């Protein structure tokens, strides 16, 4: 059974579209990963600063409590 030329062309076009879609998804995942890393670093830095502030506040409260 021979495949018509039109069917072959449609198959090639569909294959190309699928390949482009997969490439686009791969690029999007790479971009997402790199963006998320920078967001994570920013979050981690802010979180650590907040924890340090809380720790200092607790030390101050503890010192004030001991004085009384």
PDB file of N, CA and C in Angstrom:
ATOM      1  N   UNK A   1       0.855  -1.181   0.000  1.00  0.00           N
ATOM      2  CA  UNK A   1       0.000   0.000   0.000  1.00  0.00           C
ATOM      3  C   UNK A   1       0.896   1.238   0.000  1.00  0.00           C
ATOM      4  N   UNK A   2       0.742   2.056  -0.974  1.00  0.00           N
ATOM      5  CA  UNK A   2       1.560   3.252  -1.115  1.00  0.00           C
ATOM      6  C   UNK A   2       0.923   4.419  -0.363  1.00  0.00           C
ATOM      7  N   UNK A   3       1.789   5.197   0.236  1.00  0.00           N
ATOM      8  CA  UNK A   3       1.315   6.397   0.947  1.00  0.00           C
ATOM      9  C   UNK A   3       1.336   7.549  -0.043  1.00  0.00           C
ATOM     10  N   UNK A   4       0.259   8.271  -0.102  1.00  0.00           N
ATOM     11  CA  UNK A   4       0.170   9.372  -1.066  1.00  0.00           C
ATOM     12  C   UNK A   4       1.164  10.476  -0.691  1.00  0.00           C
ATOM     13  N   UNK A   5       1.529  11.236  -1.688  1.00  0.00           N
ATOM     14  CA  UNK A   5       2.466  12.341  -1.494  1.00  0.00           C
ATOM     15  C   UNK A   5       1.909  13.356  -0.509  1.00  0.00           C
ATOM     16  N   UNK A   6       0.604  13.608  -0.609  1.00  0.00           N
ATOM     17  CA  UNK A   6      -0.034  14.566   0.295  1.00  0.00           C
ATOM     18  C   UNK A   6       0.069  14.097   1.743  1.00  0.00           C
ATOM     19  N   UNK A   7      -0.151  12.804   1.979  1.00  0.00           N
ATOM     20  CA  UNK A   7      -0.062  12.246   3.324  1.00  0.00           C
ATOM     21  C   UNK A   7       1.368  12.351   3.846  1.00  0.00           C
ATOM     22  N   UNK A   8       2.345  12.082   2.977  1.00  0.00           N
ATOM     23  CA  UNK A   8       3.742  12.206   3.377  1.00  0.00           C
ATOM     24  C   UNK A   8       4.076  13.638   3.766  1.00  0.00           C
ATOM     25  N   UNK A   9       3.591  14.596   2.978  1.00  0.00           N
ATOM     26  CA  UNK A   9       3.843  16.005   3.271  1.00  0.00           C
ATOM     27  C   UNK A   9       3.173  16.413   4.581  1.00  0.00           C
ATOM     28  N   UNK A  10       1.944  15.954   4.791  1.00  0.00           N
ATOM     29  CA  UNK A  10       1.254  16.257   6.045  1.00  0.00           C
ATOM     30  C   UNK A  10       2.004  15.671   7.235  1.00  0.00           C
ATOM     31  N   UNK A  11       2.503  14.438   7.053  1.00  0.00           N
ATOM     32  CA  UNK A  11       3.247  13.786   8.122  1.00  0.00           C
ATOM     33  C   UNK A  11       4.527  14.547   8.439  1.00  0.00           C
ATOM     34  N   UNK A  12       5.237  14.998   7.378  1.00  0.00           N
ATOM     35  CA  UNK A  12       6.462  15.777   7.582  1.00  0.00           C
ATOM     36  C   UNK A  12       6.159  17.093   8.303  1.00  0.00           C
ATOM     37  N   UNK A  13       5.065  17.734   7.904  1.00  0.00           N
ATOM     38  CA  UNK A  13       4.675  18.990   8.539  1.00  0.00           C
ATOM     39  C   UNK A  13       4.304  18.766  10.009  1.00  0.00           C
ATOM     40  N   UNK A  14       3.536  17.711  10.278  1.00  0.00           N
ATOM     41  CA  UNK A  14       3.164  17.394  11.663  1.00  0.00           C
ATOM     42  C   UNK A  14       4.394  17.060  12.498  1.00  0.00           C
ATOM     43  N   UNK A  15       5.313  16.321  11.898  1.00  0.00           N
ATOM     44  CA  UNK A  15       6.546  15.959  12.600  1.00  0.00           C
ATOM     45  C   UNK A  15       7.354  17.215  12.925  1.00  0.00           C
ATOM     46  N   UNK A  16       7.450  18.127  11.977  1.00  0.00           N
ATOM     47  CA  UNK A  16       8.166  19.381  12.197  1.00  0.00           C
ATOM     48  C   UNK A  16       7.488  20.211  13.288  1.00  0.00           C
ATOM     49  N   UNK A  17       6.156  20.295  13.232  1.00  0.00           N
ATOM     50  CA  UNK A  17       5.423  21.040  14.267  1.00  0.00           C
ATOM     51  C   UNK A  17       5.639  20.424  15.646  1.00  0.00           C
ATOM     52  N   UNK A  18       5.628  19.114  15.720  1.00  0.00           N
ATOM     53  CA  UNK A  18       5.858  18.429  16.987  1.00  0.00           C
ATOM     54  C   UNK A  18       7.272  18.700  17.487  1.00  0.00           C
ATOM     55  N   UNK A  19       8.228  18.622  16.590  1.00  0.00           N
ATOM     56  CA  UNK A  19       9.621  18.892  16.961  1.00  0.00           C
ATOM     57  C   UNK A  19       9.757  20.319  17.489  1.00  0.00           C
ATOM     58  N   UNK A  20       9.143  21.283  16.809  1.00  0.00           N
ATOM     59  CA  UNK A  20       9.203  22.678  17.251  1.00  0.00           C
ATOM     60  C   UNK A  20       8.540  22.863  18.616  1.00  0.00           C
ATOM     61  N   UNK A  21       7.414  22.179  18.820  1.00  0.00           N
ATOM     62  CA  UNK A  21       6.724  22.275  20.102  1.00  0.00           C
ATOM     63  C   UNK A  21       7.581  21.702  21.229  1.00  0.00           C
ATOM     64  N   UNK A  22       8.230  20.567  20.974  1.00  0.00           N
ATOM     65  CA  UNK A  22       9.100  19.959  21.987  1.00  0.00           C
ATOM     66  C   UNK A  22      10.292  20.869  22.279  1.00  0.00           C
ATOM     67  N   UNK A  23      10.878  21.430  21.252  1.00  0.00           N
ATOM     68  CA  UNK A  23      12.008  22.350  21.436  1.00  0.00           C
ATOM     69  C   UNK A  23      11.593  23.562  22.253  1.00  0.00           C
ATOM     70  N   UNK A  24      10.415  24.074  21.956  1.00  0.00           N
ATOM     71  CA  UNK A  24       9.903  25.224  22.695  1.00  0.00           C
ATOM     72  C   UNK A  24       9.687  24.880  24.171  1.00  0.00           C
ATOM     73  N   UNK A  25       9.138  23.704  24.429  1.00  0.00           N
ATOM     74  CA  UNK A  25       8.941  23.271  25.816  1.00  0.00           C
ATOM     75  C   UNK A  25      10.272  23.097  26.542  1.00  0.00           C
ATOM     76  N   UNK A  26      11.253  22.527  25.866  1.00  0.00           N
ATOM     77  CA  UNK A  26      12.568  22.351  26.474  1.00  0.00           C
ATOM     78  C   UNK A  26      13.200  23.694  26.811  1.00  0.00           C
ATOM     79  N   UNK A  27      13.082  24.655  25.914  1.00  0.00           N
ATOM     80  CA  UNK A  27      13.624  25.987  26.166  1.00  0.00           C
ATOM     81  C   UNK A  27      12.892  26.630  27.337  1.00  0.00           C
ATOM     82  N   UNK A  28      11.572  26.470  27.365  1.00  0.00           N
ATOM     83  CA  UNK A  28      10.792  27.028  28.465  1.00  0.00           C
ATOM     84  C   UNK A  28      11.190  26.435  29.803  1.00  0.00           C
ATOM     85  N   UNK A  29      11.441  25.130  29.837  1.00  0.00           N
ATOM     86  CA  UNK A  29      11.859  24.488  31.085  1.00  0.00           C
ATOM     87  C   UNK A  29      13.227  25.001  31.521  1.00  0.00           C
ATOM     88  N   UNK A  30      14.133  25.173  30.577  1.00  0.00           N
ATOM     89  CA  UNK A  30      15.464  25.699  30.910  1.00  0.00           C
ATOM     90  C   UNK A  30      15.354  27.111  31.475  1.00  0.00           C
ATOM     91  N   UNK A  31      14.543  27.935  30.822  1.00  0.00           N
ATOM     92  CA  UNK A  31      14.337  29.306  31.301  1.00  0.00           C
ATOM     93  C   UNK A  31      13.713  29.291  32.680  1.00  0.00           C
ATOM     94  N   UNK A  32      12.727  28.438  32.891  1.00  0.00           N
ATOM     95  CA  UNK A  32      12.049  28.352  34.178  1.00  0.00           C
ATOM     96  C   UNK A  32      13.028  27.948  35.273  1.00  0.00           C
ATOM     97  N   UNK A  33      13.852  26.950  34.977  1.00  0.00           N
ATOM     98  CA  UNK A  33      14.826  26.492  35.967  1.00  0.00           C
ATOM     99  C   UNK A  33      15.788  27.607  36.331  1.00  0.00           C
ATOM    100  N   UNK A  34      16.299  28.329  35.346  1.00  0.00           N
ATOM    101  CA  UNK A  34      17.256  29.396  35.644  1.00  0.00           C
ATOM    102  C   UNK A  34      16.576  30.550  36.376  1.00  0.00           C
ATOM    103  N   UNK A  35      15.332  30.872  36.010  1.00  0.00           N
ATOM    104  CA  UNK A  35      14.607  31.937  36.708  1.00  0.00           C
ATOM    105  C   UNK A  35      14.306  31.532  38.143  1.00  0.00           C
ATOM    106  N   UNK A  36      13.895  30.295  38.328  1.00  0.00           N
ATOM    107  CA  UNK A  36      13.555  29.825  39.665  1.00  0.00           C
ATOM    108  C   UNK A  36      14.780  29.835  40.573  1.00  0.00           C
ATOM    109  N   UNK A  37      15.956  29.532  40.010  1.00  0.00           N
ATOM    110  CA  UNK A  37      17.173  29.562  40.822  1.00  0.00           C
ATOM    111  C   UNK A  37      17.428  30.962  41.324  1.00  0.00           C
ATOM    112  N   UNK A  38      17.282  31.957  40.473  1.00  0.00           N
ATOM    113  CA  UNK A  38      17.525  33.327  40.908  1.00  0.00           C
ATOM    114  C   UNK A  38      16.473  33.753  41.926  1.00  0.00           C
ATOM    115  N   UNK A  39      15.228  33.324  41.733  1.00  0.00           N
ATOM    116  CA  UNK A  39      14.189  33.633  42.711  1.00  0.00           C
ATOM    117  C   UNK A  39      14.483  32.929  44.027  1.00  0.00           C
ATOM    118  N   UNK A  40      14.988  31.699  43.950  1.00  0.00           N
ATOM    119  CA  UNK A  40      15.314  30.941  45.155  1.00  0.00           C
ATOM    120  C   UNK A  40      16.436  31.638  45.921  1.00  0.00           C
ATOM    121  N   UNK A  41      17.457  32.098  45.230  1.00  0.00           N
ATOM    122  CA  UNK A  41      18.561  32.790  45.894  1.00  0.00           C
ATOM    123  C   UNK A  41      18.060  34.044  46.587  1.00  0.00           C
ATOM    124  N   UNK A  42      17.199  34.788  45.920  1.00  0.00           N
ATOM    125  CA  UNK A  42      16.624  35.996  46.506  1.00  0.00           C
ATOM    126  C   UNK A  42      15.782  35.647  47.734  1.00  0.00           C
ATOM    127  N   UNK A  43      14.936  34.623  47.596  1.00  0.00           N
ATOM    128  CA  UNK A  43      14.105  34.185  48.718  1.00  0.00           C
ATOM    129  C   UNK A  43      14.973  33.731  49.886  1.00  0.00           C
ATOM    130  N   UNK A  44      15.983  32.935  49.600  1.00  0.00           N
ATOM    131  CA  UNK A  44      16.856  32.392  50.642  1.00  0.00           C
ATOM    132  C   UNK A  44      17.575  33.524  51.378  1.00  0.00           C
ATOM    133  N   UNK A  45      18.052  34.503  50.641  1.00  0.00           N
ATOM    134  CA  UNK A  45      18.736  35.640  51.241  1.00  0.00           C
ATOM    135  C   UNK A  45      17.797  36.424  52.157  1.00  0.00           C
ATOM    136  N   UNK A  46      16.597  36.712  51.662  1.00  0.00           N
ATOM    137  CA  UNK A  46      15.618  37.451  52.468  1.00  0.00           C
ATOM    138  C   UNK A  46      15.201  36.630  53.687  1.00  0.00           C
ATOM    139  N   UNK A  47      15.002  35.337  53.495  1.00  0.00           N
ATOM    140  CA  UNK A  47      14.617  34.460  54.596  1.00  0.00           C
ATOM    141  C   UNK A  47      15.699  34.452  55.680  1.00  0.00           C
ATOM    142  N   UNK A  48      16.960  34.322  55.265  1.00  0.00           N
ATOM    143  CA  UNK A  48      18.056  34.325  56.236  1.00  0.00           C
ATOM    144  C   UNK A  48      18.146  35.649  56.982  1.00  0.00           C
ATOM    145  N   UNK A  49      17.938  36.755  56.290  1.00  0.00           N
ATOM    146  CA  UNK A  49      17.935  38.066  56.950  1.00  0.00           C
ATOM    147  C   UNK A  49      16.808  38.147  57.978  1.00  0.00           C
ATOM    148  N   UNK A  50      15.635  37.675  57.601  1.00  0.00           N
ATOM    149  CA  UNK A  50      14.497  37.694  58.519  1.00  0.00           C
ATOM    150  C   UNK A  50      14.756  36.819  59.746  1.00  0.00           C
ATOM    151  N   UNK A  51      15.346  35.647  59.528  1.00  0.00           N
ATOM    152  CA  UNK A  51      15.668  34.756  60.645  1.00  0.00           C
ATOM    153  C   UNK A  51      16.691  35.411  61.570  1.00  0.00           C
ATOM    154  N   UNK A  52      17.675  36.077  61.003  1.00  0.00           N
ATOM    155  CA  UNK A  52      18.669  36.774  61.832  1.00  0.00           C
ATOM    156  C   UNK A  52      18.018  37.867  62.669  1.00  0.00           C
ATOM    157  N   UNK A  53      17.083  38.612  62.090  1.00  0.00           N
ATOM    158  CA  UNK A  53      16.372  39.653  62.837  1.00  0.00           C
ATOM    159  C   UNK A  53      15.554  39.043  63.970  1.00  0.00           C
ATOM    160  N   UNK A  54      14.883  37.946  63.684  1.00  0.00           N
ATOM    161  CA  UNK A  54      14.078  37.269  64.709  1.00  0.00           C
ATOM    162  C   UNK A  54      14.987  36.763  65.826  1.00  0.00           C
ATOM    163  N   UNK A  55      16.128  36.197  65.451  1.00  0.00           N
ATOM    164  CA  UNK A  55      17.077  35.689  66.446  1.00  0.00           C
ATOM    165  C   UNK A  55      17.571  36.816  67.349  1.00  0.00           C
ATOM    166  N   UNK A  56      17.924  37.957  66.773  1.00  0.00           N
ATOM    167  CA  UNK A  56      18.377  39.104  67.566  1.00  0.00           C
ATOM    168  C   UNK A  56      17.270  39.594  68.487  1.00  0.00           C
ATOM    169  N   UNK A  57      16.042  39.638  67.971  1.00  0.00           N
ATOM    170  CA  UNK A  57      14.917  40.080  68.798  1.00  0.00           C
ATOM    171  C   UNK A  57      14.690  39.129  69.967  1.00  0.00           C
ATOM    172  N   UNK A  58      14.770  37.842  69.704  1.00  0.00           N
ATOM    173  CA  UNK A  58      14.588  36.863  70.777  1.00  0.00           C
ATOM    174  C   UNK A  58      15.694  36.970  71.816  1.00  0.00           C
ATOM    175  N   UNK A  59      16.924  37.200  71.387  1.00  0.00           N
ATOM    176  CA  UNK A  59      18.037  37.383  72.322  1.00  0.00           C
ATOM    177  C   UNK A  59      17.804  38.629  73.177  1.00  0.00           C
ATOM    178  N   UNK A  60      17.354  39.691  72.541  1.00  0.00           N
ATOM    179  CA  UNK A  60      17.090  40.937  73.272  1.00  0.00           C
ATOM    180  C   UNK A  60      15.973  40.726  74.287  1.00  0.00           C
ATOM    181  N   UNK A  61      14.883  40.071  73.876  1.00  0.00           N
ATOM    182  CA  UNK A  61      13.779  39.788  74.786  1.00  0.00           C
ATOM    183  C   UNK A  61      14.233  38.876  75.930  1.00  0.00           C
ATOM    184  N   UNK A  62      15.042  37.913  75.615  1.00  0.00           N
ATOM    185  CA  UNK A  62      15.549  37.004  76.630  1.00  0.00           C
ATOM    186  C   UNK A  62      16.437  37.766  77.623  1.00  0.00           C
ATOM    187  N   UNK A  63      17.274  38.644  77.138  1.00  0.00           N
ATOM    188  CA  UNK A  63      18.140  39.443  78.017  1.00  0.00           C
ATOM    189  C   UNK A  63      17.312  40.370  78.887  1.00  0.00           C
ATOM    190  N   UNK A  64      16.281  40.978  78.306  1.00  0.00           N
ATOM    191  CA  UNK A  64      15.409  41.868  79.090  1.00  0.00           C
ATOM    192  C   UNK A  64      14.652  41.082  80.140  1.00  0.00           C
ATOM    193  N   UNK A  65      14.213  39.908  79.828  1.00  0.00           N
ATOM    194  CA  UNK A  65      13.465  39.059  80.754  1.00  0.00           C
ATOM    195  C   UNK A  65      14.353  38.638  81.932  1.00  0.00           C
ATOM    196  N   UNK A  66      15.604  38.334  81.667  1.00  0.00           N
ATOM    197  CA  UNK A  66      16.526  37.924  82.712  1.00  0.00           C
ATOM    198  C   UNK A  66      16.836  39.071  83.671  1.00  0.00           C
ATOM    199  N   UNK A  67      16.841  40.305  83.169  1.00  0.00           N
ATOM    200  CA  UNK A  67      17.126  41.461  84.014  1.00  0.00           C
ATOM    201  C   UNK A  67      16.012  41.707  85.018  1.00  0.00           C
ATOM    202  N   UNK A  68      14.789  41.336  84.686  1.00  0.00           N
ATOM    203  CA  UNK A  68      13.648  41.637  85.557  1.00  0.00           C
ATOM    204  C   UNK A  68      13.518  40.658  86.647  1.00  0.00           C
TER     205      UNK A  68
END
